[in-house]
Protein backbone atom coordinates (compact mmCIF):
# COMPACT_ATOMS: atom_id res chain seq x y z
CA MET A 1 16.51 -11.82 31.17
CA ALA A 2 16.38 -8.87 28.23
CA TRP A 3 14.63 -9.70 25.11
CA ILE A 4 16.83 -10.07 22.25
CA PRO A 5 14.73 -8.71 19.13
CA ARG A 6 14.17 -11.18 16.18
CA THR A 7 16.27 -9.64 13.13
CA ALA A 8 16.31 -12.50 10.73
CA GLU A 9 12.43 -12.64 11.27
CA ILE A 10 10.96 -9.51 11.56
CA LEU A 11 12.74 -8.78 7.96
CA ARG A 12 11.28 -12.14 6.69
CA ALA A 13 7.70 -10.89 8.20
CA VAL A 14 8.62 -7.68 6.40
CA ALA A 15 9.26 -9.23 2.76
CA ALA A 16 5.97 -11.21 2.88
CA TYR A 17 3.82 -8.33 4.17
CA GLN A 18 5.35 -6.22 1.39
CA LEU A 19 4.34 -8.85 -0.99
CA ALA A 20 0.77 -9.21 0.37
CA GLN A 21 0.08 -5.89 0.53
CA GLU A 22 0.90 -5.61 -3.05
CA ALA A 23 -1.20 -8.75 -4.19
CA LEU A 24 -3.91 -7.05 -2.39
CA ALA A 25 -3.03 -4.21 -4.55
CA ALA A 26 -3.28 -6.50 -7.52
CA ASP A 27 -6.04 -8.52 -6.95
CA PHE A 28 -7.92 -4.97 -7.12
CA ALA A 29 -6.62 -4.28 -10.36
CA ALA A 30 -7.05 -7.34 -11.86
CA ARG A 31 -10.95 -7.35 -10.81
CA TRP A 32 -11.46 -3.69 -12.29
CA ALA A 33 -9.64 -5.14 -15.48
CA GLN A 34 -12.45 -7.95 -15.68
CA VAL A 35 -15.31 -5.61 -14.73
CA LEU A 36 -13.90 -2.83 -17.60
CA ALA A 37 -13.83 -6.09 -20.36
CA GLY A 38 -17.29 -6.65 -20.12
CA VAL A 39 -18.29 -2.87 -21.22
CA GLU A 40 -18.42 -2.01 -24.68
CA ALA A 41 -16.02 1.36 -25.21
CA ARG A 42 -19.40 3.42 -26.63
CA GLU A 43 -21.17 1.88 -23.86
CA LEU A 44 -18.98 3.33 -20.88
CA ALA A 45 -21.04 6.66 -20.33
CA ALA A 46 -24.25 4.95 -20.23
CA SER A 47 -22.46 2.63 -17.78
CA LEU A 48 -20.62 4.91 -15.38
CA THR A 49 -23.11 4.13 -12.50
CA ALA A 50 -22.76 0.78 -12.51
CA LEU A 51 -19.18 1.02 -13.13
CA ARG A 52 -19.11 3.35 -9.97
CA THR A 53 -20.76 0.26 -7.53
CA GLU A 54 -18.27 -2.31 -8.69
CA TYR A 55 -15.27 -0.07 -8.29
CA ARG A 56 -16.09 1.12 -4.91
CA ALA A 57 -16.94 -2.41 -3.66
CA ALA A 58 -13.49 -3.52 -4.54
CA ILE A 59 -11.72 -0.94 -3.38
CA ARG A 60 -13.82 -1.82 0.06
CA GLU A 61 -13.46 -5.27 0.21
CA SER A 62 -9.54 -4.62 -0.61
CA ALA A 63 -8.97 -2.15 1.64
CA ALA A 64 -10.44 -4.39 4.68
CA ALA A 65 -7.95 -7.22 3.71
CA SER A 66 -5.35 -4.71 3.70
CA ARG A 67 -6.25 -3.27 7.50
CA THR A 68 -6.53 -6.71 8.86
CA LEU A 69 -3.44 -7.48 7.50
CA SER A 70 -1.32 -4.41 8.82
CA VAL A 71 -2.86 -5.37 11.96
CA ALA A 72 -1.66 -8.76 12.19
CA PHE A 73 1.96 -7.76 11.20
CA TYR A 74 2.13 -4.51 13.51
CA ARG A 75 1.30 -6.80 16.33
CA LEU A 76 3.62 -9.53 15.40
CA VAL A 77 7.31 -7.29 14.65
CA ARG A 78 6.27 -5.22 18.14
CA ALA A 79 6.36 -9.25 19.57
CA LEU A 80 9.87 -10.00 17.68
CA GLU A 81 11.16 -6.87 18.40
CA THR A 82 9.70 -6.51 22.28
CA GLY A 83 8.45 -9.49 23.49
CA ARG A 84 5.00 -8.24 24.36
CA VAL A 85 1.54 -8.43 22.46
CA ILE A 86 -0.51 -5.37 22.06
CA GLY A 87 -4.38 -5.14 22.48
CA GLY A 88 -6.50 -4.02 20.14
CA PRO A 89 -9.05 -5.70 17.38
CA GLY A 90 -7.64 -9.67 16.68
CA TYR A 91 -5.96 -9.68 19.90
CA ARG A 92 -6.81 -13.53 21.65
CA PRO A 93 -5.36 -14.01 25.24
CA GLY A 94 -2.64 -15.74 25.59
CA ALA A 95 -1.47 -14.58 22.52
CA SER A 96 2.71 -16.28 21.81
CA LEU A 97 4.92 -15.71 19.03
CA GLY A 98 3.28 -18.96 17.47
CA SER A 99 -0.38 -17.42 17.39
CA LEU A 100 1.22 -14.28 16.38
CA TRP A 101 2.81 -16.14 13.40
CA ALA A 102 -0.22 -18.06 12.36
CA ASP A 103 -2.66 -15.13 12.47
CA PHE A 104 0.09 -13.44 10.50
CA ASN A 105 0.40 -16.48 7.75
CA THR A 106 -3.38 -16.83 7.77
CA ALA A 107 -3.48 -12.98 6.45
CA THR A 108 -0.54 -13.61 3.78
CA GLY A 109 -1.95 -16.70 2.32
CA LYS A 110 1.46 -17.83 2.83
CA ARG A 111 3.64 -19.64 5.48
CA THR A 112 6.50 -17.49 6.90
CA GLY A 113 7.09 -18.43 10.12
CA THR A 114 6.40 -19.96 13.37
CA GLY A 115 7.24 -19.47 17.16
CA ALA A 116 7.31 -20.94 20.22
CA ARG A 117 3.59 -20.97 22.17
CA GLU A 118 4.24 -19.62 25.70
CA PRO A 119 1.94 -16.64 26.26
CA LEU A 120 3.63 -13.55 25.72
CA PRO A 121 3.06 -10.34 28.35
CA VAL A 122 0.58 -7.61 27.49
CA ASP A 123 0.15 -4.42 26.95
CA THR A 124 -3.59 -4.04 26.90
CA ARG A 125 -3.46 -0.93 25.19
CA ASN A 126 -5.75 -0.70 21.74
CA PRO A 127 -3.72 1.76 19.37
CA PHE A 128 -5.26 0.65 16.23
CA PRO A 129 -7.79 3.68 15.28
CA ALA A 130 -11.57 2.71 13.63
CA GLU A 131 -11.68 2.36 10.06
CA ALA A 132 -12.63 5.42 8.03
CA ILE A 133 -15.09 3.77 6.00
CA ASP A 134 -16.42 7.16 5.29
CA ARG A 135 -13.47 8.96 4.28
CA GLU A 136 -12.54 5.76 2.26
CA ALA A 137 -15.57 5.88 0.28
CA ARG A 138 -15.26 9.45 -0.51
CA ARG A 139 -11.48 9.00 -1.92
CA ALA A 140 -13.08 6.02 -3.94
CA GLU A 141 -15.52 8.23 -5.49
CA GLU A 142 -13.21 11.24 -6.11
CA THR A 143 -10.53 8.69 -7.41
CA PHE A 144 -13.28 7.64 -9.84
CA ARG A 145 -14.56 10.56 -10.86
CA GLN A 146 -11.00 11.69 -11.71
CA GLN A 147 -9.80 8.79 -13.20
CA ILE A 148 -12.58 7.14 -14.90
CA ALA A 149 -16.04 9.73 -15.20
CA ASP A 150 -14.26 12.89 -16.50
CA ARG A 151 -12.43 10.72 -18.58
CA VAL A 152 -15.39 9.15 -20.52
CA GLU A 153 -17.34 12.23 -20.43
CA LYS A 154 -13.92 14.06 -22.41
CA HIS A 155 -14.14 10.94 -24.49
CA GLU A 156 -17.21 11.01 -25.74
CA ARG A 157 -16.69 14.29 -27.23
CA GLU A 158 -13.52 14.02 -28.49
CA HIS A 159 -15.17 10.43 -30.12
CA ALA A 160 -18.56 12.91 -32.11
CA GLU A 161 -15.63 14.82 -33.11
CA ARG A 162 -13.17 12.38 -34.65
CA LYS A 163 -16.39 9.96 -35.46
CA GLY A 164 -18.05 13.07 -37.67
CA SER A 165 -14.74 14.77 -39.74
CA ALA A 166 -13.50 11.13 -40.36
CA ALA A 167 -10.29 11.82 -39.53
CA LEU A 168 -10.01 8.40 -38.67
CA ASP A 169 -10.54 4.82 -40.77
CA ALA A 170 -12.45 2.17 -38.89
CA ALA A 171 -9.59 0.51 -37.51
CA GLU A 172 -7.70 3.25 -36.62
CA LEU A 173 -10.76 4.21 -34.49
CA ILE A 174 -11.13 0.63 -33.34
CA ALA A 175 -7.70 1.06 -32.25
CA TRP A 176 -8.15 4.28 -30.60
CA GLU A 177 -11.02 2.83 -28.42
CA ARG A 178 -8.99 0.04 -27.05
CA GLU A 179 -5.87 2.39 -26.21
CA PHE A 180 -8.52 4.67 -24.09
CA LEU A 181 -9.85 1.26 -22.54
CA GLU A 182 -6.58 0.65 -21.47
CA SER A 183 -5.79 3.89 -20.00
CA LEU A 184 -8.95 3.47 -17.69
CA LYS A 185 -7.50 0.04 -16.56
CA THR A 186 -4.27 1.36 -15.87
CA GLY A 187 -5.39 4.85 -14.21
CA GLY A 188 -7.77 3.23 -12.03
CA SER A 189 -6.25 0.33 -11.15
CA GLY A 190 -2.77 2.59 -9.47
CA ALA A 191 -5.45 5.09 -7.72
CA GLY A 192 -7.57 2.49 -6.60
CA GLY A 193 -4.85 0.08 -5.64
CA GLN A 194 -3.29 3.36 -3.90
CA ILE A 195 -6.42 3.61 -1.88
CA VAL A 196 -6.55 -0.20 -0.65
CA GLN A 197 -3.33 -0.32 0.37
CA ASP A 198 -3.54 2.76 2.13
CA GLY A 199 -6.20 0.87 4.39
CA GLY A 200 -2.89 -1.10 5.83
CA ARG A 201 -0.48 2.17 5.63
CA ASP A 202 -2.86 4.41 7.59
CA MET A 203 -3.59 1.59 10.13
CA ILE A 204 0.46 1.06 10.63
CA HIS A 205 0.68 4.90 10.80
CA ASN A 206 -1.66 5.68 12.93
CA ALA A 207 -0.76 2.68 15.47
CA LEU A 208 2.41 4.02 15.84
CA GLN A 209 1.79 7.46 16.49
CA ASP A 210 -0.94 6.65 19.56
CA ASP A 211 1.34 3.36 20.69
CA PRO A 212 4.30 4.26 23.74
CA GLY A 213 6.05 1.27 22.79
CA ALA A 214 6.70 2.68 18.83
CA ILE A 215 9.49 5.04 18.47
CA GLY A 216 8.88 6.08 14.78
CA TYR A 217 8.88 3.72 11.04
CA TYR A 218 11.17 3.29 8.22
CA ARG A 219 10.11 2.94 4.41
CA ALA A 220 10.25 -0.43 3.09
CA THR A 221 10.31 -0.38 -0.93
CA GLU A 222 10.85 -2.89 -3.20
CA GLY A 223 13.77 -3.39 -5.40
CA SER A 224 13.67 -0.43 -8.41
CA PRO A 225 11.25 2.00 -6.53
CA CYS A 226 10.92 5.64 -8.40
CA TYR A 227 13.48 7.89 -7.46
CA PHE A 228 11.25 9.46 -4.67
CA CYS A 229 10.33 6.59 -2.69
CA ALA A 230 14.18 5.74 -2.76
CA LEU A 231 15.17 8.76 -1.09
CA MET A 232 12.52 8.20 1.13
CA ALA A 233 13.65 4.79 2.04
CA GLY A 234 17.37 6.03 2.20
CA ARG A 235 17.08 8.13 5.20
CA GLY A 236 16.60 5.59 7.19
CA ALA A 237 14.78 5.68 10.86
CA VAL A 238 11.86 8.32 11.11
CA TYR A 239 11.14 9.32 15.02
CA LYS A 240 7.48 10.19 16.49
CA SER A 241 6.75 13.49 16.42
CA LYS A 242 4.01 15.65 14.51
CA ARG A 243 6.45 16.47 11.62
CA THR A 244 6.88 12.77 10.72
CA ALA A 245 2.86 12.21 11.11
CA ALA A 246 2.20 11.35 7.46
CA PHE A 247 3.26 8.52 4.71
CA GLY A 248 3.30 9.45 1.26
CA ALA A 249 2.73 6.82 -1.58
CA HIS A 250 1.66 7.41 -4.68
CA PRO A 251 -0.30 5.29 -7.74
CA HIS A 252 1.44 2.17 -8.56
CA CYS A 253 3.80 2.58 -5.35
CA HIS A 254 4.34 -0.99 -2.97
CA CYS A 255 6.35 1.03 -0.38
CA GLN A 256 5.33 -0.08 3.36
CA ALA A 257 5.54 1.65 6.86
CA VAL A 258 7.38 -0.82 9.40
CA PRO A 259 7.03 0.34 12.66
CA ILE A 260 9.95 -0.06 14.98
CA PHE A 261 10.32 0.02 18.94
CA SER A 262 13.52 -0.25 19.96
CA ARG A 263 16.99 1.36 18.72
CA ARG A 264 18.51 -1.91 17.66
CA TYR A 265 16.27 -2.36 14.63
CA GLN A 266 18.10 -4.01 11.31
CA LEU A 267 17.06 -2.11 7.88
CA PRO A 268 16.24 -4.27 4.52
CA ASP A 269 19.07 -4.09 2.52
CA ALA A 270 17.26 -1.92 -0.19
CA ASN A 271 17.47 0.82 2.65
CA ALA A 272 20.85 0.34 2.91
CA ARG A 273 21.69 1.01 -0.40
CA PHE A 274 19.56 3.86 -1.31
CA GLU A 275 21.03 5.54 1.51
CA ARG A 276 24.48 4.96 0.17
CA MET A 277 23.44 6.40 -3.13
CA TRP A 278 22.31 9.84 -1.19
CA ARG A 279 25.78 9.89 0.50
CA GLU A 280 27.29 9.39 -2.66
CA PHE A 281 25.01 11.92 -4.36
CA GLY A 282 25.97 14.40 -1.97
CA GLY A 283 23.42 16.74 -1.93
CA GLY A 284 21.16 19.02 -4.32
CA SER A 285 18.13 19.18 -5.59
CA LEU A 286 15.31 17.12 -5.82
CA ALA A 287 15.90 17.26 -10.04
CA ASP A 288 19.42 16.54 -9.07
CA TRP A 289 18.48 13.42 -7.28
CA ARG A 290 16.36 12.04 -9.71
CA THR A 291 19.29 12.11 -12.36
CA HIS A 292 21.69 10.74 -10.07
CA TYR A 293 19.37 8.06 -9.07
CA THR A 294 18.77 7.43 -12.89
CA LYS A 295 21.99 7.03 -14.36
CA THR A 296 23.39 4.80 -11.15
């Protein structure tokens, strides 16, 4: 008997996965905000080494959780769509929809679904890439330099100039310092949160390229994304090829790549809405689309 994709369950899993990945980015942002809260603005330059260590450690831990979550999600969606389970990290002999849901629930921290305990047929191939720890560390280091270290250095120069010229009174100077600390919090959490979620995004996107059972992916996005993400979500499924071997995200972006394994997949309502908006737009430049999207 042919397997019938469990569409409703897949969409539930997609929604839970998005929220869980967003929560990991939020956890990272909260940790970074707590670190900054313990440092006075005048101490930033002297604290850069300690801040760098904390920043990289927070990214490393949250990105590892993102990867674990993405593997559980990929394996569950694949099984719900095809009736077969894939090997690789986290696979246990005798895996069933019940055990895959349990693994996913554990990874998200939320009970989203359950399933039967009958063992599923197994595709033993491991499509999941090795963790790119060195690349992740380099990205974290570069992000810290751009978002924190370089800006602190520039701020120190401006602070000396403003203080020396008495251009600001004491209250204005304090407000300026607080505003700068807030910008470090926002910039550092946005760029770092992207690296955190890219741990899971890259795991899924690279796995589907190496999984013969996968045919492509679609972009799942939040309800009110930016104009670019809305456009990408509105194009629907993207089928495997060298040309589509990348998934673009940006700071504060919570879009996720959802792998598809048959032509009988169903897009979330948000994707269908953005697809209709694109058809109504009728064509034009990206700037034109941005204007159309903002006004709609």
